[in-house]
Amino acid sequence: NIGIRIEDDVLITEDGAINLSKDIIKEIKDIEKFMAK
């Protein structure tokens, strides 16, 4: 079995927070589709 933990990386700046991993796939169906390639 394989376990996967997916977390966002967030950069905190003086102007606010920037989600650096917003474009990373996170849904199971999307991950499975990617892994099937």
N, C-alpha and C. Protein backbone atom coordinates (compact mmCIF):
# COMPACT_ATOMS: atom_id res chain seq x y z
N ASN A 1 0.83 -1.19 0.00
CA ASN A 1 0.00 0.00 0.00
C ASN A 1 0.87 1.25 0.00
N ILE A 2 0.35 2.27 -0.62
CA ILE A 2 1.05 3.55 -0.68
C ILE A 2 0.17 4.60 -0.03
N GLY A 3 0.76 5.39 0.85
CA GLY A 3 0.04 6.52 1.44
C GLY A 3 0.58 7.81 0.87
N ILE A 4 -0.30 8.73 0.60
CA ILE A 4 0.10 10.02 0.05
C ILE A 4 -0.52 11.12 0.88
N ARG A 5 0.30 12.08 1.25
CA ARG A 5 -0.18 13.24 2.00
C ARG A 5 0.04 14.46 1.12
N ILE A 6 -1.02 15.21 0.90
CA ILE A 6 -0.93 16.38 0.04
C ILE A 6 -1.25 17.62 0.86
N GLU A 7 -0.31 18.54 0.88
CA GLU A 7 -0.48 19.78 1.62
C GLU A 7 -0.15 20.95 0.71
N ASP A 8 -0.70 22.09 1.02
CA ASP A 8 -0.38 23.30 0.28
C ASP A 8 0.87 23.95 0.86
N ASP A 9 1.69 24.54 -0.01
CA ASP A 9 2.81 25.37 0.40
C ASP A 9 2.36 26.82 0.26
N VAL A 10 2.44 27.56 1.35
CA VAL A 10 1.95 28.94 1.35
C VAL A 10 3.09 29.87 1.74
N LEU A 11 3.31 30.88 0.93
CA LEU A 11 4.30 31.91 1.21
C LEU A 11 3.59 33.09 1.85
N ILE A 12 4.04 33.49 3.03
CA ILE A 12 3.46 34.63 3.73
C ILE A 12 4.35 35.85 3.47
N THR A 13 3.75 36.90 2.93
CA THR A 13 4.48 38.14 2.65
C THR A 13 3.80 39.30 3.37
N GLU A 14 4.39 40.46 3.28
CA GLU A 14 3.78 41.65 3.88
C GLU A 14 2.44 41.97 3.24
N ASP A 15 2.27 41.57 1.98
CA ASP A 15 1.04 41.86 1.24
C ASP A 15 -0.03 40.77 1.39
N GLY A 16 0.31 39.69 2.06
CA GLY A 16 -0.66 38.61 2.24
C GLY A 16 -0.05 37.25 1.96
N ALA A 17 -0.91 36.28 1.77
CA ALA A 17 -0.46 34.90 1.55
C ALA A 17 -0.57 34.53 0.08
N ILE A 18 0.40 33.73 -0.40
CA ILE A 18 0.40 33.23 -1.77
C ILE A 18 0.49 31.71 -1.70
N ASN A 19 -0.50 31.04 -2.27
CA ASN A 19 -0.50 29.58 -2.30
C ASN A 19 0.39 29.14 -3.46
N LEU A 20 1.57 28.62 -3.13
CA LEU A 20 2.54 28.22 -4.15
C LEU A 20 2.16 26.92 -4.84
N SER A 21 1.29 26.14 -4.24
CA SER A 21 0.93 24.84 -4.80
C SER A 21 -0.51 24.78 -5.29
N LYS A 22 -1.06 25.93 -5.63
CA LYS A 22 -2.48 25.99 -6.02
C LYS A 22 -2.76 25.20 -7.30
N ASP A 23 -1.76 25.01 -8.16
CA ASP A 23 -1.98 24.32 -9.43
C ASP A 23 -1.65 22.83 -9.38
N ILE A 24 -1.28 22.33 -8.22
CA ILE A 24 -0.95 20.91 -8.07
C ILE A 24 -2.25 20.10 -8.01
N ILE A 25 -2.28 18.96 -8.71
CA ILE A 25 -3.48 18.13 -8.67
C ILE A 25 -3.62 17.52 -7.27
N LYS A 26 -4.87 17.47 -6.78
CA LYS A 26 -5.10 17.00 -5.42
C LYS A 26 -6.24 16.00 -5.31
N GLU A 27 -7.09 15.93 -6.31
CA GLU A 27 -8.22 15.01 -6.28
C GLU A 27 -7.76 13.61 -6.68
N ILE A 28 -8.31 12.59 -6.01
CA ILE A 28 -7.90 11.21 -6.26
C ILE A 28 -8.02 10.85 -7.73
N LYS A 29 -9.15 11.18 -8.35
CA LYS A 29 -9.35 10.82 -9.76
C LYS A 29 -8.31 11.47 -10.65
N ASP A 30 -7.91 12.70 -10.34
CA ASP A 30 -6.91 13.40 -11.14
C ASP A 30 -5.51 12.81 -10.93
N ILE A 31 -5.21 12.41 -9.70
CA ILE A 31 -3.91 11.78 -9.41
C ILE A 31 -3.81 10.44 -10.11
N GLU A 32 -4.88 9.64 -10.05
CA GLU A 32 -4.88 8.33 -10.71
C GLU A 32 -4.74 8.48 -12.22
N LYS A 33 -5.38 9.47 -12.79
CA LYS A 33 -5.27 9.72 -14.23
C LYS A 33 -3.83 10.09 -14.59
N PHE A 34 -3.20 10.93 -13.77
CA PHE A 34 -1.82 11.33 -14.00
C PHE A 34 -0.88 10.14 -13.88
N MET A 35 -1.09 9.30 -12.87
CA MET A 35 -0.21 8.14 -12.64
C MET A 35 -0.35 7.10 -13.74
N ALA A 36 -1.49 7.07 -14.43
CA ALA A 36 -1.71 6.09 -15.49
C ALA A 36 -0.96 6.43 -16.78
N LYS A 37 -0.44 7.65 -16.87
CA LYS A 37 0.27 8.06 -18.08
C LYS A 37 1.57 7.31 -18.23
